[in-house]
Amino acid sequence: MDSEKKYNIPRNLLYSDEHQWLYQEGDIATIGITDYAQSELGDIVFIELPEVGEEIVQGEPFGNIEAIKTVSELFAPVSGEVLEVNESLADDPTQINKDPYGDGWMIKVQIHDLEELEALMPAEDYESLISG
């Protein structure tokens, strides 16, 4: 087991304990899964995301991600309306493995309640969470 593996944890993002990241610009959030999550899942082969216009609810599943070995639910770090979906992931879900914080982003959401961001953790706390 490689407990010394260093994961990419950008300092400008917020993190959920379900291993989603959130980049906030005003009341718009870009959401994806962390480097740690994609590493644990392994090779991602399929992703199911909500449609534009759908509502997601903080702490509730908003989609599924399928890797060769497992299927996992994606949990919403905040509540809001889906404004944009990364359609390119349907054709090439491996972008999540290659670039989880860039090309591998999943959805953009209009945040309904900015106070929900207080439930998320900064990079340092997330780092502590995954290093156990």
N, C-alpha and C. Protein backbone atom coordinates (compact mmCIF):
# COMPACT_ATOMS: atom_id res chain seq x y z
N MET A 1 0.84 -1.18 0.00
CA MET A 1 0.00 0.00 0.00
C MET A 1 0.88 1.24 0.00
N ASP A 2 0.51 2.21 -0.82
CA ASP A 2 1.32 3.40 -0.97
C ASP A 2 0.72 4.55 -0.19
N SER A 3 0.95 4.58 1.12
CA SER A 3 0.36 5.62 1.96
C SER A 3 1.07 6.96 1.79
N GLU A 4 2.19 6.95 1.09
CA GLU A 4 2.94 8.19 0.88
C GLU A 4 2.52 8.91 -0.40
N LYS A 5 1.55 8.36 -1.13
CA LYS A 5 1.14 8.99 -2.38
C LYS A 5 0.65 10.40 -2.11
N LYS A 6 1.11 11.33 -2.93
CA LYS A 6 0.68 12.72 -2.79
C LYS A 6 -0.39 13.00 -3.84
N TYR A 7 -1.50 13.48 -3.37
CA TYR A 7 -2.60 13.82 -4.26
C TYR A 7 -2.59 15.31 -4.54
N ASN A 8 -3.08 15.66 -5.72
CA ASN A 8 -3.21 17.06 -6.09
C ASN A 8 -4.45 17.61 -5.39
N ILE A 9 -4.26 18.59 -4.50
CA ILE A 9 -5.36 19.20 -3.75
C ILE A 9 -5.24 20.72 -3.91
N PRO A 10 -5.79 21.27 -4.99
CA PRO A 10 -5.66 22.72 -5.20
C PRO A 10 -6.20 23.51 -4.00
N ARG A 11 -5.46 24.55 -3.64
CA ARG A 11 -5.79 25.35 -2.46
C ARG A 11 -6.97 26.29 -2.69
N ASN A 12 -7.33 26.54 -3.96
CA ASN A 12 -8.41 27.51 -4.24
C ASN A 12 -9.79 26.87 -4.33
N LEU A 13 -9.89 25.60 -3.95
CA LEU A 13 -11.17 24.89 -4.03
C LEU A 13 -11.68 24.55 -2.65
N LEU A 14 -12.98 24.23 -2.58
CA LEU A 14 -13.58 23.69 -1.37
C LEU A 14 -13.87 22.21 -1.63
N TYR A 15 -13.94 21.43 -0.55
CA TYR A 15 -14.06 19.98 -0.68
C TYR A 15 -15.16 19.44 0.22
N SER A 16 -15.81 18.36 -0.25
CA SER A 16 -16.81 17.68 0.58
C SER A 16 -16.20 16.39 1.11
N ASP A 17 -16.79 15.86 2.17
CA ASP A 17 -16.27 14.59 2.69
C ASP A 17 -16.65 13.42 1.80
N GLU A 18 -17.43 13.70 0.73
CA GLU A 18 -17.74 12.68 -0.28
C GLU A 18 -16.76 12.76 -1.46
N HIS A 19 -15.70 13.55 -1.32
CA HIS A 19 -14.62 13.67 -2.32
C HIS A 19 -15.03 14.41 -3.59
N GLN A 20 -15.95 15.35 -3.44
CA GLN A 20 -16.24 16.27 -4.53
C GLN A 20 -15.50 17.57 -4.25
N TRP A 21 -15.12 18.27 -5.33
CA TRP A 21 -14.53 19.60 -5.17
C TRP A 21 -15.50 20.62 -5.75
N LEU A 22 -15.35 21.85 -5.27
CA LEU A 22 -16.20 22.94 -5.73
C LEU A 22 -15.35 24.17 -5.92
N TYR A 23 -15.50 24.80 -7.10
CA TYR A 23 -14.84 26.07 -7.38
C TYR A 23 -15.94 27.12 -7.44
N GLN A 24 -15.85 28.12 -6.60
CA GLN A 24 -16.90 29.13 -6.50
C GLN A 24 -16.53 30.41 -7.22
N GLU A 25 -17.44 30.89 -8.06
CA GLU A 25 -17.34 32.22 -8.67
C GLU A 25 -18.67 32.90 -8.41
N GLY A 26 -18.74 33.74 -7.37
CA GLY A 26 -20.01 34.36 -7.00
C GLY A 26 -20.99 33.28 -6.56
N ASP A 27 -22.15 33.20 -7.24
CA ASP A 27 -23.11 32.16 -6.89
C ASP A 27 -23.10 31.00 -7.88
N ILE A 28 -22.02 30.91 -8.65
CA ILE A 28 -21.86 29.80 -9.60
C ILE A 28 -20.76 28.86 -9.06
N ALA A 29 -21.07 27.57 -9.07
CA ALA A 29 -20.09 26.57 -8.61
C ALA A 29 -19.80 25.59 -9.73
N THR A 30 -18.52 25.33 -9.94
CA THR A 30 -18.10 24.24 -10.82
C THR A 30 -17.75 23.07 -9.90
N ILE A 31 -18.23 21.88 -10.25
CA ILE A 31 -18.12 20.71 -9.37
C ILE A 31 -17.49 19.54 -10.12
N GLY A 32 -16.65 18.78 -9.41
CA GLY A 32 -16.06 17.57 -9.95
C GLY A 32 -15.65 16.66 -8.81
N ILE A 33 -14.91 15.60 -9.12
CA ILE A 33 -14.39 14.73 -8.07
C ILE A 33 -12.89 14.98 -7.91
N THR A 34 -12.39 14.69 -6.74
CA THR A 34 -11.00 14.98 -6.41
C THR A 34 -10.04 13.98 -7.05
N ASP A 35 -8.78 14.37 -7.05
CA ASP A 35 -7.71 13.51 -7.52
C ASP A 35 -7.70 12.21 -6.70
N TYR A 36 -7.90 12.33 -5.40
CA TYR A 36 -7.97 11.15 -4.53
C TYR A 36 -9.11 10.22 -4.97
N ALA A 37 -10.28 10.79 -5.23
CA ALA A 37 -11.44 9.98 -5.62
C ALA A 37 -11.19 9.25 -6.94
N GLN A 38 -10.67 9.96 -7.94
CA GLN A 38 -10.44 9.29 -9.23
C GLN A 38 -9.38 8.21 -9.08
N SER A 39 -8.39 8.44 -8.21
CA SER A 39 -7.33 7.46 -7.97
C SER A 39 -7.90 6.20 -7.32
N GLU A 40 -8.79 6.39 -6.34
CA GLU A 40 -9.42 5.25 -5.66
C GLU A 40 -10.34 4.48 -6.59
N LEU A 41 -11.04 5.18 -7.48
CA LEU A 41 -11.97 4.52 -8.41
C LEU A 41 -11.22 3.71 -9.46
N GLY A 42 -10.11 4.24 -9.93
CA GLY A 42 -9.39 3.59 -11.03
C GLY A 42 -9.93 4.11 -12.36
N ASP A 43 -9.77 3.32 -13.41
CA ASP A 43 -10.13 3.77 -14.76
C ASP A 43 -11.63 3.98 -14.89
N ILE A 44 -12.01 5.22 -15.15
CA ILE A 44 -13.43 5.58 -15.26
C ILE A 44 -13.91 5.29 -16.68
N VAL A 45 -15.04 4.57 -16.76
CA VAL A 45 -15.54 4.13 -18.06
C VAL A 45 -16.88 4.76 -18.44
N PHE A 46 -17.60 5.31 -17.46
CA PHE A 46 -18.92 5.88 -17.76
C PHE A 46 -19.30 6.86 -16.66
N ILE A 47 -20.00 7.92 -17.05
CA ILE A 47 -20.51 8.86 -16.05
C ILE A 47 -21.93 9.25 -16.42
N GLU A 48 -22.78 9.33 -15.41
CA GLU A 48 -24.16 9.75 -15.59
C GLU A 48 -24.35 11.03 -14.79
N LEU A 49 -24.70 12.11 -15.49
CA LEU A 49 -24.84 13.42 -14.86
C LEU A 49 -26.26 13.95 -15.08
N PRO A 50 -26.68 14.92 -14.25
CA PRO A 50 -28.02 15.48 -14.42
C PRO A 50 -28.11 16.32 -15.70
N GLU A 51 -29.32 16.66 -16.09
CA GLU A 51 -29.57 17.51 -17.26
C GLU A 51 -29.51 18.98 -16.82
N VAL A 52 -29.20 19.84 -17.77
CA VAL A 52 -29.29 21.28 -17.52
C VAL A 52 -30.72 21.61 -17.09
N GLY A 53 -30.84 22.43 -16.05
CA GLY A 53 -32.16 22.81 -15.55
C GLY A 53 -32.61 21.99 -14.35
N GLU A 54 -31.98 20.84 -14.14
CA GLU A 54 -32.33 20.02 -12.98
C GLU A 54 -31.83 20.67 -11.70
N GLU A 55 -32.50 20.35 -10.59
CA GLU A 55 -32.09 20.83 -9.28
C GLU A 55 -31.29 19.72 -8.59
N ILE A 56 -30.19 20.10 -7.96
CA ILE A 56 -29.47 19.14 -7.12
C ILE A 56 -29.57 19.62 -5.67
N VAL A 57 -29.48 18.69 -4.74
CA VAL A 57 -29.66 19.01 -3.32
C VAL A 57 -28.41 18.59 -2.55
N GLN A 58 -27.91 19.52 -1.72
CA GLN A 58 -26.70 19.25 -0.95
C GLN A 58 -26.82 17.93 -0.20
N GLY A 59 -25.79 17.08 -0.35
CA GLY A 59 -25.74 15.81 0.36
C GLY A 59 -26.49 14.69 -0.34
N GLU A 60 -27.22 15.00 -1.41
CA GLU A 60 -27.98 13.99 -2.15
C GLU A 60 -27.23 13.61 -3.43
N PRO A 61 -27.45 12.38 -3.92
CA PRO A 61 -26.79 11.97 -5.17
C PRO A 61 -27.27 12.82 -6.36
N PHE A 62 -26.34 13.20 -7.23
CA PHE A 62 -26.71 13.92 -8.45
C PHE A 62 -26.29 13.17 -9.71
N GLY A 63 -25.66 12.01 -9.54
CA GLY A 63 -25.24 11.23 -10.70
C GLY A 63 -24.47 10.01 -10.25
N ASN A 64 -23.97 9.27 -11.24
CA ASN A 64 -23.18 8.07 -10.96
C ASN A 64 -21.91 8.11 -11.78
N ILE A 65 -20.88 7.50 -11.23
CA ILE A 65 -19.61 7.37 -11.95
C ILE A 65 -19.23 5.90 -11.90
N GLU A 66 -18.90 5.37 -13.06
CA GLU A 66 -18.61 3.95 -13.16
C GLU A 66 -17.16 3.75 -13.56
N ALA A 67 -16.46 2.97 -12.76
CA ALA A 67 -15.09 2.60 -13.08
C ALA A 67 -15.10 1.10 -13.41
N ILE A 68 -13.97 0.58 -13.83
CA ILE A 68 -13.90 -0.82 -14.22
C ILE A 68 -14.35 -1.73 -13.07
N LYS A 69 -14.01 -1.34 -11.84
CA LYS A 69 -14.27 -2.21 -10.69
C LYS A 69 -15.51 -1.88 -9.90
N THR A 70 -16.06 -0.67 -10.05
CA THR A 70 -17.13 -0.26 -9.14
C THR A 70 -17.98 0.85 -9.75
N VAL A 71 -19.15 1.05 -9.17
CA VAL A 71 -20.01 2.18 -9.50
C VAL A 71 -20.20 2.98 -8.21
N SER A 72 -20.04 4.29 -8.29
CA SER A 72 -20.21 5.15 -7.12
C SER A 72 -21.19 6.26 -7.43
N GLU A 73 -21.92 6.67 -6.39
CA GLU A 73 -22.79 7.83 -6.54
C GLU A 73 -21.96 9.09 -6.36
N LEU A 74 -22.40 10.15 -7.04
CA LEU A 74 -21.81 11.47 -6.88
C LEU A 74 -22.75 12.27 -5.99
N PHE A 75 -22.23 12.87 -4.94
CA PHE A 75 -23.07 13.60 -3.99
C PHE A 75 -22.87 15.11 -4.15
N ALA A 76 -23.97 15.84 -4.17
CA ALA A 76 -23.93 17.28 -4.39
C ALA A 76 -23.32 18.01 -3.19
N PRO A 77 -22.26 18.80 -3.41
CA PRO A 77 -21.68 19.57 -2.31
C PRO A 77 -22.54 20.78 -1.92
N VAL A 78 -23.40 21.23 -2.84
CA VAL A 78 -24.33 22.33 -2.58
C VAL A 78 -25.63 22.06 -3.32
N SER A 79 -26.68 22.80 -2.94
CA SER A 79 -27.95 22.74 -3.66
C SER A 79 -27.98 23.82 -4.73
N GLY A 80 -28.61 23.51 -5.85
CA GLY A 80 -28.72 24.53 -6.89
C GLY A 80 -29.28 23.98 -8.18
N GLU A 81 -29.33 24.86 -9.16
CA GLU A 81 -29.82 24.49 -10.49
C GLU A 81 -28.64 24.25 -11.41
N VAL A 82 -28.68 23.13 -12.12
CA VAL A 82 -27.61 22.79 -13.06
C VAL A 82 -27.68 23.74 -14.26
N LEU A 83 -26.61 24.48 -14.48
CA LEU A 83 -26.52 25.45 -15.58
C LEU A 83 -25.81 24.86 -16.79
N GLU A 84 -24.85 23.97 -16.52
CA GLU A 84 -24.01 23.43 -17.60
C GLU A 84 -23.53 22.06 -17.19
N VAL A 85 -23.42 21.17 -18.19
CA VAL A 85 -22.91 19.82 -17.97
C VAL A 85 -21.73 19.63 -18.92
N ASN A 86 -20.67 19.02 -18.43
CA ASN A 86 -19.50 18.76 -19.28
C ASN A 86 -19.82 17.58 -20.21
N GLU A 87 -20.38 17.92 -21.37
CA GLU A 87 -20.83 16.90 -22.32
C GLU A 87 -19.69 16.04 -22.85
N SER A 88 -18.47 16.57 -22.85
CA SER A 88 -17.35 15.81 -23.41
C SER A 88 -17.05 14.56 -22.59
N LEU A 89 -17.50 14.51 -21.32
CA LEU A 89 -17.25 13.33 -20.49
C LEU A 89 -18.02 12.11 -20.99
N ALA A 90 -19.13 12.34 -21.69
CA ALA A 90 -19.90 11.20 -22.22
C ALA A 90 -19.06 10.43 -23.23
N ASP A 91 -18.29 11.14 -24.04
CA ASP A 91 -17.45 10.50 -25.05
C ASP A 91 -16.12 10.04 -24.48
N ASP A 92 -15.62 10.77 -23.49
CA ASP A 92 -14.29 10.46 -22.95
C ASP A 92 -14.24 10.66 -21.43
N PRO A 93 -14.85 9.71 -20.67
CA PRO A 93 -14.84 9.86 -19.21
C PRO A 93 -13.45 9.77 -18.59
N THR A 94 -12.45 9.28 -19.35
CA THR A 94 -11.10 9.18 -18.80
C THR A 94 -10.49 10.56 -18.52
N GLN A 95 -11.12 11.63 -19.05
CA GLN A 95 -10.66 12.99 -18.73
C GLN A 95 -10.67 13.20 -17.22
N ILE A 96 -11.60 12.53 -16.52
CA ILE A 96 -11.68 12.66 -15.06
C ILE A 96 -10.42 12.09 -14.42
N ASN A 97 -9.92 10.97 -14.96
CA ASN A 97 -8.69 10.39 -14.44
C ASN A 97 -7.49 11.28 -14.76
N LYS A 98 -7.45 11.81 -15.98
CA LYS A 98 -6.29 12.57 -16.43
C LYS A 98 -6.21 13.96 -15.82
N ASP A 99 -7.36 14.61 -15.65
CA ASP A 99 -7.37 16.02 -15.25
C ASP A 99 -8.63 16.32 -14.44
N PRO A 100 -8.72 15.78 -13.20
CA PRO A 100 -9.97 15.90 -12.44
C PRO A 100 -10.39 17.34 -12.13
N TYR A 101 -9.43 18.26 -12.09
CA TYR A 101 -9.75 19.65 -11.75
C TYR A 101 -9.86 20.55 -12.99
N GLY A 102 -9.54 20.00 -14.15
CA GLY A 102 -9.58 20.80 -15.38
C GLY A 102 -10.62 20.24 -16.33
N ASP A 103 -10.15 19.52 -17.35
CA ASP A 103 -11.07 18.96 -18.35
C ASP A 103 -12.08 17.98 -17.76
N GLY A 104 -11.77 17.46 -16.57
CA GLY A 104 -12.66 16.47 -15.94
C GLY A 104 -13.75 17.06 -15.07
N TRP A 105 -13.95 18.39 -15.11
CA TRP A 105 -15.07 18.99 -14.34
C TRP A 105 -16.38 18.36 -14.79
N MET A 106 -17.37 18.36 -13.93
CA MET A 106 -18.62 17.66 -14.24
C MET A 106 -19.81 18.57 -14.52
N ILE A 107 -20.14 19.44 -13.56
CA ILE A 107 -21.31 20.31 -13.74
C ILE A 107 -21.02 21.70 -13.19
N LYS A 108 -21.79 22.67 -13.71
CA LYS A 108 -21.80 24.02 -13.15
C LYS A 108 -23.21 24.26 -12.63
N VAL A 109 -23.27 24.85 -11.44
CA VAL A 109 -24.53 24.99 -10.72
C VAL A 109 -24.70 26.42 -10.23
N GLN A 110 -25.93 26.92 -10.30
CA GLN A 110 -26.27 28.18 -9.63
C GLN A 110 -26.60 27.81 -8.19
N ILE A 111 -25.78 28.29 -7.25
CA ILE A 111 -25.95 27.95 -5.83
C ILE A 111 -27.18 28.68 -5.27
N HIS A 112 -28.07 27.93 -4.64
CA HIS A 112 -29.26 28.53 -4.05
C HIS A 112 -28.97 29.23 -2.72
N ASP A 113 -28.09 28.67 -1.91
CA ASP A 113 -27.84 29.21 -0.57
C ASP A 113 -26.33 29.18 -0.31
N LEU A 114 -25.72 30.36 -0.38
CA LEU A 114 -24.26 30.44 -0.20
C LEU A 114 -23.82 29.94 1.17
N GLU A 115 -24.71 29.95 2.15
CA GLU A 115 -24.35 29.45 3.49
C GLU A 115 -24.02 27.96 3.47
N GLU A 116 -24.52 27.24 2.47
CA GLU A 116 -24.19 25.81 2.36
C GLU A 116 -22.70 25.58 2.17
N LEU A 117 -22.00 26.58 1.66
CA LEU A 117 -20.56 26.45 1.45
C LEU A 117 -19.83 26.24 2.78
N GLU A 118 -20.44 26.69 3.87
CA GLU A 118 -19.81 26.54 5.18
C GLU A 118 -19.68 25.07 5.59
N ALA A 119 -20.46 24.18 4.97
CA ALA A 119 -20.37 22.75 5.28
C ALA A 119 -19.18 22.10 4.58
N LEU A 120 -18.56 22.82 3.65
CA LEU A 120 -17.42 22.27 2.90
C LEU A 120 -16.12 22.62 3.61
N MET A 121 -15.05 21.92 3.23
CA MET A 121 -13.78 22.14 3.92
C MET A 121 -12.72 22.71 2.99
N PRO A 122 -11.80 23.49 3.57
CA PRO A 122 -10.67 23.97 2.77
C PRO A 122 -9.70 22.83 2.48
N ALA A 123 -8.78 23.09 1.58
CA ALA A 123 -7.81 22.08 1.14
C ALA A 123 -7.08 21.40 2.29
N GLU A 124 -6.66 22.19 3.28
CA GLU A 124 -5.87 21.64 4.39
C GLU A 124 -6.67 20.57 5.15
N ASP A 125 -7.97 20.86 5.38
CA ASP A 125 -8.81 19.91 6.10
C ASP A 125 -9.06 18.65 5.27
N TYR A 126 -9.24 18.85 3.96
CA TYR A 126 -9.46 17.70 3.08
C TYR A 126 -8.22 16.81 3.05
N GLU A 127 -7.07 17.45 3.02
CA GLU A 127 -5.80 16.72 3.05
C GLU A 127 -5.71 15.84 4.30
N SER A 128 -6.11 16.40 5.43
CA SER A 128 -6.12 15.63 6.69
C SER A 128 -7.10 14.47 6.61
N LEU A 129 -8.24 14.70 6.00
CA LEU A 129 -9.27 13.66 5.87
C LEU A 129 -8.73 12.44 5.11
N ILE A 130 -8.09 12.70 3.96
CA ILE A 130 -7.67 11.55 3.13
C ILE A 130 -6.35 10.94 3.60
N SER A 131 -5.60 11.68 4.41
CA SER A 131 -4.35 11.08 4.88
C SER A 131 -4.60 10.28 6.16
N GLY A 132 -5.83 10.38 6.66
CA GLY A 132 -6.26 9.55 7.78
C GLY A 132 -5.56 9.91 9.05
